[in-house]
Amino acid sequence: MTSLPWILTCVGILATFGVVEVIRILIRKRNMQYWLGSYYFPSERHEPIDRDQPIDLFVAICDHWEPECYGASREKAMERVQRWVHEYPKAFRNFRDFNGRPPQHTFFFPQDEYRPEYLDEIAQLCVEGYGDVDVHLHHDNDTADQFREKLESFRDTLFHRHGLLRKDPLTNQIVYGFIHGNWALCNSRPDGRWCGVDQELTILRETGCYADFTLPSAPSECQTRTINSIYYAQDIPGRRKSHDTGIRSRVGQIAPADHLLMIQGPLCLDWQSRKYGLVPRIENGDLTEGRAPTWRRFQHWMNVGVHVAERPNWKFIKLHTHGCKDGNIDMLLGPEMQAFHAELAAQLEAHPQLKLHYVTAWEMAQLVRQAETSALTPRLSQSTRFHLQLAKSSPESCTGKGQ
């Protein structure tokens, strides 16, 4: 009998170790070890919003838009392209944001799937005022020179052949936004696959990339330690994944030289949606067939509060999807997505403090720059309002001035 308490203690210790081991396995299985510490122990204090002032919500859907995904034939790919061109305006033309614009969609088109007929079609959707085109790229075992050549050639083709992208008014350089295929920006996979180039940030910046929109990549092992942030990253010689950390975007701070702007989407744990009733779902802003957007998810995205430091009333909600994937395309162009925008409109009407702005990736980056350089005022400035209205009324703001 005297040994019973000792036995029970041992059983309790073993059970505790067992639970801890199970948790450790689950964390590593979902690659959460890369970012969970930053989630629970952020490096900067939480900035409370001013609830007496409007809260501006800038929503950009950044689509890894791959018509030929999963080995689709050119006929199947063109069918997907034409679905987007024909169905998107019908589905969303009646929804409007605070500035009177319909939902915007940024098509990050893969360089490795380039067909002029696809882009000729989608450019028309942009001319009609429904979105924009930027650059996506998949590559493997590449070199720095090859990577640079692909970006420069595709950038010039989009601008000169299709009238897409735009020129920086100060440098006269063609500029583009970027999403890395397979999440492996800056050779960030531990095995080195799906990239090969350690110094991608420098090459992107030198070839005209105005911002990277790859992140978050969780549950991929490419996920950075930095989460829920708008920041600047610089290549570190001899190191992969140089964008693991960087310099936070901040009001009154000049963008650091030789750094690339990184605009991340939301990343958090959704304890209201748990596997086996125990394990929380990773909320990463991905819009999929089985994970359509809802007001509940939107509240998570708002609460994460991605913003330029010292301007918490401007919330940047960068979402992502693979919009040509079977299943996803039906959700994104169908009743679930329409129901989301309708629900969003109803909730915003009930909460007039919230001001919704549908923006493209390019416009989101410009708003970041404006927040950095403008005076610290909580309201949406007249210049920002004018910028968004101009984007609505001018086709060239969507398609650039390619010649």
Protein backbone atom coordinates (compact mmCIF):
# COMPACT_ATOMS: atom_id res chain seq x y z
CA MET A 1 0.00 0.00 0.00
CA THR A 2 2.86 2.36 0.74
CA SER A 3 3.98 2.11 -2.89
CA LEU A 4 0.60 3.13 -4.36
CA PRO A 5 1.14 6.92 -4.21
CA TRP A 6 4.54 6.47 -5.83
CA ILE A 7 3.03 4.33 -8.61
CA LEU A 8 0.29 6.87 -9.22
CA THR A 9 2.87 9.64 -9.36
CA CYS A 10 4.90 7.71 -11.95
CA VAL A 11 1.79 7.06 -14.02
CA GLY A 12 0.93 10.76 -13.90
CA ILE A 13 4.45 11.73 -14.97
CA LEU A 14 4.42 9.25 -17.84
CA ALA A 15 0.98 10.43 -18.95
CA THR A 16 2.18 14.02 -18.88
CA PHE A 17 5.24 13.16 -20.94
CA GLY A 18 2.96 11.27 -23.33
CA VAL A 19 0.71 14.29 -23.83
CA VAL A 20 3.70 16.57 -24.30
CA GLU A 21 5.16 14.21 -26.90
CA VAL A 22 1.88 14.05 -28.79
CA ILE A 23 1.70 17.85 -28.82
CA ARG A 24 5.30 18.07 -30.03
CA ILE A 25 4.59 15.63 -32.85
CA LEU A 26 1.48 17.52 -33.92
CA ILE A 27 3.35 20.83 -33.91
CA ARG A 28 6.18 19.47 -36.06
CA LYS A 29 3.83 17.63 -38.38
CA ARG A 30 2.22 20.96 -39.25
CA ASN A 31 5.54 22.86 -39.21
CA MET A 32 4.24 25.14 -36.48
CA GLN A 33 7.63 25.19 -34.76
CA TYR A 34 8.70 27.89 -37.24
CA TRP A 35 6.12 30.45 -36.13
CA LEU A 36 4.26 29.39 -32.99
CA GLY A 37 6.70 31.21 -30.71
CA SER A 38 6.15 34.47 -32.61
CA TYR A 39 2.40 33.96 -32.41
CA TYR A 40 2.30 33.61 -28.63
CA PHE A 41 5.28 35.85 -27.84
CA PRO A 42 5.30 38.70 -30.42
CA SER A 43 8.37 40.89 -30.59
CA GLU A 44 6.35 44.13 -30.51
CA ARG A 45 3.57 45.23 -28.18
CA HIS A 46 -0.02 45.09 -29.34
CA GLU A 47 -1.20 48.47 -30.66
CA PRO A 48 -4.82 49.15 -29.71
CA ILE A 49 -7.05 50.72 -32.33
CA ASP A 50 -8.82 54.02 -31.69
CA ARG A 51 -12.44 52.92 -31.42
CA ASP A 52 -13.66 56.51 -31.67
CA GLN A 53 -12.35 56.69 -35.24
CA PRO A 54 -13.11 54.74 -38.45
CA ILE A 55 -11.36 51.45 -39.04
CA ASP A 56 -10.31 51.07 -42.68
CA LEU A 57 -10.14 47.50 -43.99
CA PHE A 58 -8.07 47.00 -47.14
CA VAL A 59 -8.85 43.61 -48.65
CA ALA A 60 -6.74 42.13 -51.47
CA ILE A 61 -7.22 38.63 -52.89
CA CYS A 62 -3.90 37.49 -54.33
CA ASP A 63 -4.49 34.49 -56.56
CA HIS A 64 -1.82 31.94 -57.53
CA TRP A 65 -3.67 31.87 -60.84
CA GLU A 66 -2.46 28.80 -62.73
CA PRO A 67 -4.71 27.86 -65.71
CA GLU A 68 -2.67 24.73 -66.48
CA CYS A 69 -2.41 23.48 -62.88
CA TYR A 70 -2.31 19.73 -62.34
CA GLY A 71 -1.36 19.06 -65.95
CA ALA A 72 -4.49 20.50 -67.58
CA SER A 73 -4.57 20.58 -71.37
CA ARG A 74 -4.51 23.94 -73.13
CA GLU A 75 -8.18 23.47 -73.98
CA LYS A 76 -9.05 22.86 -70.31
CA ALA A 77 -6.89 25.81 -69.27
CA MET A 78 -8.63 28.14 -71.74
CA GLU A 79 -11.99 26.94 -70.44
CA ARG A 80 -10.90 28.00 -66.94
CA VAL A 81 -9.70 31.38 -68.21
CA GLN A 82 -12.96 32.07 -70.00
CA ARG A 83 -14.98 31.10 -66.95
CA TRP A 84 -13.22 33.81 -64.99
CA VAL A 85 -13.67 36.40 -67.75
CA HIS A 86 -17.36 35.69 -68.28
CA GLU A 87 -18.56 34.80 -64.79
CA TYR A 88 -16.68 37.22 -62.53
CA PRO A 89 -18.48 40.42 -63.63
CA LYS A 90 -21.89 38.73 -63.47
CA ALA A 91 -21.22 37.38 -59.98
CA PHE A 92 -19.75 40.50 -58.37
CA ARG A 93 -20.72 43.63 -60.29
CA ASN A 94 -23.46 44.49 -57.81
CA PHE A 95 -21.26 44.40 -54.71
CA ARG A 96 -19.61 47.68 -53.75
CA ASP A 97 -17.14 48.85 -51.11
CA PHE A 98 -16.91 52.18 -49.30
CA ASN A 99 -15.56 53.80 -52.47
CA GLY A 100 -18.14 52.24 -54.77
CA ARG A 101 -15.78 49.65 -56.27
CA PRO A 102 -16.60 45.99 -56.93
CA PRO A 103 -14.47 43.21 -55.42
CA GLN A 104 -10.94 43.23 -56.83
CA HIS A 105 -8.89 40.18 -57.78
CA THR A 106 -5.14 40.17 -58.44
CA PHE A 107 -4.11 37.42 -60.85
CA PHE A 108 -0.52 36.39 -60.11
CA PHE A 109 0.17 34.68 -63.41
CA PRO A 110 2.90 31.99 -63.54
CA GLN A 111 5.80 32.72 -65.87
CA ASP A 112 6.19 28.98 -66.41
CA GLU A 113 2.65 28.69 -67.83
CA TYR A 114 2.82 31.68 -70.17
CA ARG A 115 0.46 31.55 -73.13
CA PRO A 116 -0.42 34.88 -74.76
CA GLU A 117 -4.04 33.86 -75.31
CA TYR A 118 -4.63 33.40 -71.57
CA LEU A 119 -3.35 36.87 -70.74
CA ASP A 120 -5.15 38.54 -73.64
CA GLU A 121 -8.38 37.24 -72.13
CA ILE A 122 -7.72 38.12 -68.50
CA ALA A 123 -6.44 41.60 -69.42
CA GLN A 124 -9.97 42.45 -70.55
CA LEU A 125 -11.31 41.66 -67.10
CA CYS A 126 -8.78 44.12 -65.67
CA VAL A 127 -9.74 46.79 -68.21
CA GLU A 128 -13.33 46.44 -67.02
CA GLY A 129 -12.17 47.35 -63.52
CA TYR A 130 -12.20 44.00 -61.72
CA GLY A 131 -8.56 43.48 -60.93
CA ASP A 132 -4.94 43.41 -61.93
CA VAL A 133 -2.15 41.06 -63.04
CA ASP A 134 1.17 40.46 -61.31
CA VAL A 135 3.95 37.84 -61.42
CA HIS A 136 4.05 34.27 -60.11
CA LEU A 137 6.91 31.85 -60.78
CA HIS A 138 7.68 28.18 -60.13
CA HIS A 139 11.24 27.00 -60.56
CA ASP A 140 13.59 24.33 -59.28
CA ASN A 141 17.38 23.97 -59.08
CA ASP A 142 17.72 27.38 -60.71
CA THR A 143 20.63 29.81 -60.87
CA ALA A 144 20.64 33.51 -60.07
CA ASP A 145 21.22 34.42 -63.72
CA GLN A 146 18.42 32.16 -64.93
CA PHE A 147 16.05 33.55 -62.32
CA ARG A 148 16.86 37.13 -63.32
CA GLU A 149 16.38 36.38 -67.01
CA LYS A 150 12.97 34.77 -66.40
CA LEU A 151 11.75 37.73 -64.40
CA GLU A 152 13.01 40.37 -66.82
CA SER A 153 11.70 38.60 -69.90
CA PHE A 154 8.26 37.92 -68.41
CA ARG A 155 8.01 41.41 -66.93
CA ASP A 156 8.72 42.97 -70.33
CA THR A 157 6.30 40.63 -72.10
CA LEU A 158 3.48 41.49 -69.73
CA PHE A 159 4.08 45.19 -70.17
CA HIS A 160 4.86 45.49 -73.88
CA ARG A 161 2.86 42.59 -75.32
CA HIS A 162 -0.21 42.72 -73.07
CA GLY A 163 -0.38 46.27 -71.69
CA LEU A 164 -0.16 44.96 -68.13
CA LEU A 165 1.91 46.07 -65.11
CA ARG A 166 3.01 49.72 -64.87
CA LYS A 167 6.07 51.97 -64.62
CA ASP A 168 7.37 53.55 -61.47
CA PRO A 169 6.83 57.32 -61.95
CA LEU A 170 10.18 58.13 -60.33
CA THR A 171 12.49 55.55 -61.91
CA ASN A 172 10.54 54.82 -65.11
CA GLN A 173 11.18 51.13 -64.42
CA ILE A 174 8.50 48.52 -65.07
CA VAL A 175 7.35 47.23 -61.68
CA TYR A 176 5.50 44.12 -60.55
CA GLY A 177 4.28 42.29 -57.45
CA PHE A 178 5.50 38.75 -56.82
CA ILE A 179 4.43 35.42 -55.36
CA HIS A 180 6.91 32.54 -55.29
CA GLY A 181 5.69 29.14 -56.44
CA ASN A 182 5.64 26.34 -53.88
CA TRP A 183 6.20 29.01 -51.18
CA ALA A 184 9.98 28.57 -51.51
CA LEU A 185 11.00 32.23 -51.64
CA CYS A 186 14.73 32.82 -51.11
CA ASN A 187 15.44 29.07 -51.24
CA SER A 188 13.56 28.64 -47.98
CA ARG A 189 12.77 24.92 -48.14
CA PRO A 190 15.16 22.93 -45.93
CA ASP A 191 15.85 20.51 -48.81
CA GLY A 192 16.51 23.31 -51.32
CA ARG A 193 13.78 22.17 -53.73
CA TRP A 194 11.56 24.42 -55.84
CA CYS A 195 14.04 27.27 -55.93
CA GLY A 196 17.85 27.06 -55.76
CA VAL A 197 18.57 30.80 -55.51
CA ASP A 198 19.58 32.16 -52.10
CA GLN A 199 19.71 35.81 -53.19
CA GLU A 200 16.21 36.15 -54.63
CA LEU A 201 15.30 39.27 -52.66
CA THR A 202 18.04 41.29 -54.34
CA ILE A 203 17.16 40.05 -57.82
CA LEU A 204 13.48 40.76 -57.28
CA ARG A 205 14.17 44.28 -56.11
CA GLU A 206 16.62 45.01 -58.95
CA THR A 207 14.18 43.75 -61.60
CA GLY A 208 11.34 45.97 -60.39
CA CYS A 209 9.45 44.01 -57.74
CA TYR A 210 7.53 46.54 -55.66
CA ALA A 211 6.49 43.99 -52.99
CA ASP A 212 6.35 40.28 -52.26
CA PHE A 213 3.00 38.65 -51.36
CA THR A 214 4.08 35.03 -50.85
CA LEU A 215 3.39 34.83 -47.12
CA PRO A 216 1.96 33.30 -45.06
CA SER A 217 2.99 29.87 -46.31
CA ALA A 218 1.97 27.84 -43.23
CA PRO A 219 1.64 24.90 -42.91
CA SER A 220 4.57 24.75 -45.35
CA GLU A 221 8.06 24.49 -43.86
CA CYS A 222 8.85 27.67 -45.79
CA GLN A 223 6.90 29.75 -43.26
CA THR A 224 8.92 32.55 -41.68
CA ARG A 225 9.38 33.38 -38.03
CA THR A 226 7.95 36.83 -38.81
CA ILE A 227 4.14 36.63 -39.01
CA ASN A 228 1.20 39.01 -39.37
CA SER A 229 3.50 41.78 -40.45
CA ILE A 230 4.34 44.32 -43.11
CA TYR A 231 8.11 44.60 -43.14
CA TYR A 232 11.28 44.96 -45.21
CA ALA A 233 13.76 42.16 -45.77
CA GLN A 234 17.24 42.08 -47.23
CA ASP A 235 19.38 39.28 -48.57
CA ILE A 236 21.92 38.06 -46.02
CA PRO A 237 25.03 36.65 -47.76
CA GLY A 238 25.41 32.92 -47.35
CA ARG A 239 21.97 32.46 -45.84
CA ARG A 240 18.74 31.04 -47.18
CA LYS A 241 15.36 32.42 -46.10
CA SER A 242 16.75 35.90 -45.52
CA HIS A 243 13.19 37.19 -45.14
CA ASP A 244 12.75 35.19 -41.91
CA THR A 245 13.04 38.53 -40.11
CA GLY A 246 13.29 42.14 -41.18
CA ILE A 247 12.53 45.79 -40.42
CA ARG A 248 8.91 46.59 -39.53
CA SER A 249 7.07 49.07 -41.75
CA ARG A 250 6.33 52.14 -39.62
CA VAL A 251 4.74 55.57 -39.87
CA GLY A 252 7.41 58.23 -40.45
CA GLN A 253 10.07 55.70 -41.41
CA ILE A 254 11.72 55.83 -44.82
CA ALA A 255 11.81 52.46 -46.57
CA PRO A 256 15.31 51.05 -45.97
CA ALA A 257 17.57 50.87 -49.00
CA ASP A 258 18.37 47.46 -50.51
CA HIS A 259 15.32 45.90 -48.83
CA LEU A 260 12.20 44.41 -50.37
CA LEU A 261 8.73 45.17 -49.04
CA MET A 262 7.00 42.04 -47.67
CA ILE A 263 3.22 42.16 -47.22
CA GLN A 264 1.91 39.20 -45.25
CA GLY A 265 -1.59 37.87 -44.86
CA PRO A 266 -3.16 36.69 -41.59
CA LEU A 267 -1.85 33.68 -39.67
CA CYS A 268 -3.42 32.48 -36.43
CA LEU A 269 -4.99 29.50 -34.69
CA ASP A 270 -8.72 28.96 -35.06
CA TRP A 271 -9.81 27.31 -31.82
CA GLN A 272 -13.43 27.41 -32.93
CA SER A 273 -12.62 24.93 -35.69
CA ARG A 274 -10.74 21.97 -34.22
CA LYS A 275 -9.73 18.60 -35.56
CA TYR A 276 -10.92 15.75 -33.34
CA GLY A 277 -12.34 18.50 -31.15
CA LEU A 278 -8.83 19.16 -29.82
CA VAL A 279 -6.39 20.45 -32.44
CA PRO A 280 -7.03 24.02 -33.69
CA ARG A 281 -7.13 24.70 -37.40
CA ILE A 282 -4.43 26.94 -38.86
CA GLU A 283 -6.10 30.07 -40.23
CA ASN A 284 -3.86 31.34 -43.02
CA GLY A 285 -6.21 33.35 -45.22
CA ASP A 286 -6.43 30.62 -47.88
CA LEU A 287 -9.69 30.51 -49.85
CA THR A 288 -10.44 26.96 -50.97
CA GLU A 289 -13.30 24.70 -51.96
CA GLY A 290 -13.57 23.33 -48.43
CA ARG A 291 -12.73 26.61 -46.69
CA ALA A 292 -14.83 29.38 -48.21
CA PRO A 293 -14.65 32.88 -46.72
CA THR A 294 -17.22 33.73 -44.06
CA TRP A 295 -17.86 36.56 -41.65
CA ARG A 296 -16.45 34.40 -38.86
CA ARG A 297 -13.19 33.96 -40.75
CA PHE A 298 -13.19 37.64 -41.64
CA GLN A 299 -13.29 38.49 -37.94
CA HIS A 300 -10.14 36.42 -37.45
CA TRP A 301 -8.45 38.32 -40.27
CA MET A 302 -9.43 41.65 -38.74
CA ASN A 303 -8.37 40.65 -35.25
CA VAL A 304 -4.93 39.59 -36.43
CA GLY A 305 -4.51 43.26 -37.32
CA VAL A 306 -1.79 43.34 -39.97
CA HIS A 307 -0.87 47.02 -40.18
CA VAL A 308 1.88 49.58 -40.56
CA ALA A 309 3.27 50.24 -37.09
CA GLU A 310 1.64 53.25 -35.39
CA ARG A 311 -1.37 53.09 -37.71
CA PRO A 312 -3.50 50.26 -36.28
CA ASN A 313 -6.79 51.67 -37.63
CA TRP A 314 -5.65 50.74 -41.15
CA LYS A 315 -5.94 46.96 -41.35
CA PHE A 316 -4.42 45.13 -44.32
CA ILE A 317 -6.12 41.82 -45.14
CA LYS A 318 -4.14 39.97 -47.80
CA LEU A 319 -5.84 36.71 -48.75
CA HIS A 320 -4.68 34.02 -51.17
CA THR A 321 -6.07 31.21 -53.25
CA HIS A 322 -5.42 28.95 -56.25
CA GLY A 323 -8.29 30.17 -58.36
CA CYS A 324 -7.94 27.81 -61.32
CA LYS A 325 -7.86 24.64 -59.27
CA ASP A 326 -10.89 22.39 -59.75
CA GLY A 327 -13.29 22.97 -56.89
CA ASN A 328 -11.73 26.29 -55.92
CA ILE A 329 -12.91 27.90 -59.15
CA ASP A 330 -16.49 26.82 -58.45
CA MET A 331 -16.37 28.30 -54.95
CA LEU A 332 -14.68 31.55 -55.99
CA LEU A 333 -17.11 32.23 -58.84
CA GLY A 334 -20.17 30.70 -57.23
CA PRO A 335 -22.81 31.24 -54.56
CA GLU A 336 -20.46 30.75 -51.58
CA MET A 337 -18.32 33.72 -52.58
CA GLN A 338 -21.38 35.78 -53.41
CA ALA A 339 -22.85 34.93 -50.01
CA PHE A 340 -19.62 36.09 -48.36
CA HIS A 341 -19.73 39.50 -50.04
CA ALA A 342 -23.43 39.84 -49.20
CA GLU A 343 -22.76 38.91 -45.58
CA LEU A 344 -19.83 41.30 -45.49
CA ALA A 345 -22.00 44.14 -46.78
CA ALA A 346 -24.66 43.42 -44.16
CA GLN A 347 -22.16 43.32 -41.31
CA LEU A 348 -20.49 46.53 -42.43
CA GLU A 349 -23.86 48.25 -42.62
CA ALA A 350 -24.47 47.16 -39.05
CA HIS A 351 -21.00 48.40 -38.03
CA PRO A 352 -20.60 51.80 -39.77
CA GLN A 353 -17.26 52.38 -38.09
CA LEU A 354 -15.80 49.75 -40.42
CA LYS A 355 -14.88 51.05 -43.89
CA LEU A 356 -14.26 48.33 -46.47
CA HIS A 357 -11.93 48.93 -49.42
CA TYR A 358 -11.49 46.30 -52.13
CA VAL A 359 -7.95 46.79 -53.46
CA THR A 360 -5.44 45.14 -55.75
CA ALA A 361 -1.99 44.04 -54.63
CA TRP A 362 -0.48 47.15 -56.23
CA GLU A 363 -2.91 49.44 -54.43
CA MET A 364 -2.26 47.70 -51.12
CA ALA A 365 1.48 48.37 -51.51
CA GLN A 366 0.80 52.03 -52.33
CA LEU A 367 -1.34 52.35 -49.22
CA VAL A 368 1.52 50.94 -47.15
CA ARG A 369 3.82 53.62 -48.60
CA GLN A 370 1.22 56.28 -47.91
CA ALA A 371 0.86 55.18 -44.30
CA GLU A 372 4.63 55.36 -43.89
CA THR A 373 4.98 58.84 -45.34
CA SER A 374 1.77 60.58 -44.24
CA ALA A 375 1.07 62.32 -40.96
CA LEU A 376 -0.27 60.11 -38.20
CA THR A 377 -4.02 60.67 -38.54
CA PRO A 378 -6.57 57.94 -37.84
CA ARG A 379 -8.95 58.75 -40.67
CA LEU A 380 -8.56 57.62 -44.26
CA SER A 381 -6.97 60.64 -45.91
CA GLN A 382 -8.47 62.40 -48.89
CA SER A 383 -5.47 61.45 -51.02
CA THR A 384 -6.07 57.77 -50.29
CA ARG A 385 -9.76 58.13 -51.09
CA PHE A 386 -8.84 59.87 -54.34
CA HIS A 387 -6.32 57.15 -55.20
CA LEU A 388 -8.94 54.44 -54.83
CA GLN A 389 -11.56 56.37 -56.79
CA LEU A 390 -9.03 56.93 -59.57
CA ALA A 391 -8.37 53.19 -59.66
CA LYS A 392 -12.08 52.59 -60.11
CA SER A 393 -12.53 55.05 -62.94
CA SER A 394 -9.33 54.62 -64.93
CA PRO A 395 -8.66 51.37 -66.82
CA GLU A 396 -4.99 52.32 -67.12
CA SER A 397 -4.66 52.05 -63.33
CA CYS A 398 -5.50 48.37 -63.69
CA THR A 399 -3.55 47.52 -66.80
CA GLY A 400 -0.70 50.00 -66.82
CA LYS A 401 0.46 51.77 -69.96
CA GLY A 402 2.25 49.05 -71.82
CA GLN A 403 3.12 49.91 -75.37
